[in-house]
């Protein structure tokens, strides 16, 4: 059984005062469970639509991702940064 994890990170909180961030979230899924994969995929795209960035942690290193892949072992979501 292959499992995956998606979690949110809260970073640089002082820069994000204008944003209302949800509580930290960690979601796991079994690649073979269609319902779990569909739920995590929906959440993944909801966060991206809200401006979050997604990164995968792989043996080659961290890279930004734009498409949900249930085969990834870890997906980290980072909130949008305010300012300018």
Protein backbone atom coordinates (compact mmCIF):
# COMPACT_ATOMS: atom_id res chain seq x y z
CA UNK A 1 0.00 0.00 0.00
CA UNK A 2 1.41 3.39 -1.00
CA UNK A 3 0.50 6.36 1.17
CA UNK A 4 0.87 10.06 0.52
CA UNK A 5 0.80 13.13 2.78
CA UNK A 6 -0.25 16.70 2.01
CA UNK A 7 0.25 19.40 4.63
CA UNK A 8 0.15 23.17 4.91
CA UNK A 9 2.89 25.35 6.33
CA UNK A 10 2.47 28.72 8.00
CA UNK A 11 5.52 30.84 7.29
CA UNK A 12 6.46 34.44 7.96
CA UNK A 13 3.25 35.02 9.90
CA UNK A 14 4.02 38.73 10.34
CA UNK A 15 3.82 39.21 6.54
CA UNK A 16 0.48 37.46 6.35
CA UNK A 17 -1.65 39.55 8.70
CA UNK A 18 -4.06 40.41 5.89
CA UNK A 19 -4.65 36.74 5.13
CA UNK A 20 -6.87 34.49 7.19
CA UNK A 21 -5.09 31.19 7.14
CA UNK A 22 -6.80 27.94 8.02
CA UNK A 23 -5.40 25.86 10.82
CA UNK A 24 -2.49 23.73 9.79
CA UNK A 25 -3.75 20.78 7.81
CA UNK A 26 -2.31 17.35 7.22
CA UNK A 27 -4.13 14.91 4.94
CA UNK A 28 -3.04 11.39 4.12
CA UNK A 29 -4.30 9.12 1.38
CA UNK A 30 -3.94 5.60 0.09
CA UNK A 31 -3.11 5.69 -3.62
CA UNK A 32 -5.47 2.76 -4.20
CA UNK A 33 -8.44 4.47 -2.48
CA UNK A 34 -10.21 6.53 -5.16
CA UNK A 35 -12.31 8.46 -2.67
CA UNK A 36 -9.30 9.55 -0.61
CA UNK A 37 -7.36 10.53 -3.76
CA UNK A 38 -10.34 12.52 -5.11
CA UNK A 39 -10.71 14.39 -1.80
CA UNK A 40 -7.02 15.33 -1.61
CA UNK A 41 -6.96 16.32 -5.28
CA UNK A 42 -9.92 18.65 -4.71
CA UNK A 43 -8.22 20.24 -1.69
CA UNK A 44 -4.95 20.59 -3.62
CA UNK A 45 -6.60 22.61 -6.39
CA UNK A 46 -8.62 24.69 -3.89
CA UNK A 47 -5.39 25.80 -2.23
CA UNK A 48 -3.72 26.56 -5.58
CA UNK A 49 -6.76 28.61 -6.64
CA UNK A 50 -6.36 30.65 -3.43
CA UNK A 51 -2.77 31.50 -4.35
CA UNK A 52 -0.90 28.86 -2.36
CA UNK A 53 2.21 27.21 -3.83
CA UNK A 54 2.69 23.45 -3.83
CA UNK A 55 6.01 21.67 -3.54
CA UNK A 56 6.94 18.01 -3.66
CA UNK A 57 9.70 16.51 -1.57
CA UNK A 58 11.57 14.00 -3.69
CA UNK A 59 14.97 12.29 -3.50
CA UNK A 60 16.23 14.78 -6.12
CA UNK A 61 15.09 17.68 -3.92
CA UNK A 62 12.14 20.01 -3.50
CA UNK A 63 10.38 21.31 -6.60
CA UNK A 64 7.27 23.38 -7.21
CA UNK A 65 4.34 21.45 -8.67
CA UNK A 66 1.23 22.65 -10.44
CA UNK A 67 -0.56 19.34 -10.99
CA UNK A 68 -1.72 16.88 -8.36
CA UNK A 69 0.03 13.51 -8.49
CA UNK A 70 -1.23 10.94 -5.97
CA UNK A 71 2.02 8.98 -6.36
CA UNK A 72 3.99 11.71 -4.57
CA UNK A 73 4.85 10.79 -1.00
CA UNK A 74 4.78 14.36 0.32
CA UNK A 75 3.15 17.57 -0.91
CA UNK A 76 3.77 20.78 1.04
CA UNK A 77 1.47 23.79 0.56
CA UNK A 78 2.87 27.23 1.34
CA UNK A 79 0.57 30.27 1.72
CA UNK A 80 0.71 33.27 -0.58
CA UNK A 81 2.93 36.08 0.65
CA UNK A 82 1.47 39.55 0.94
CA UNK A 83 3.28 42.80 0.46
CA UNK A 84 4.76 44.29 -2.61
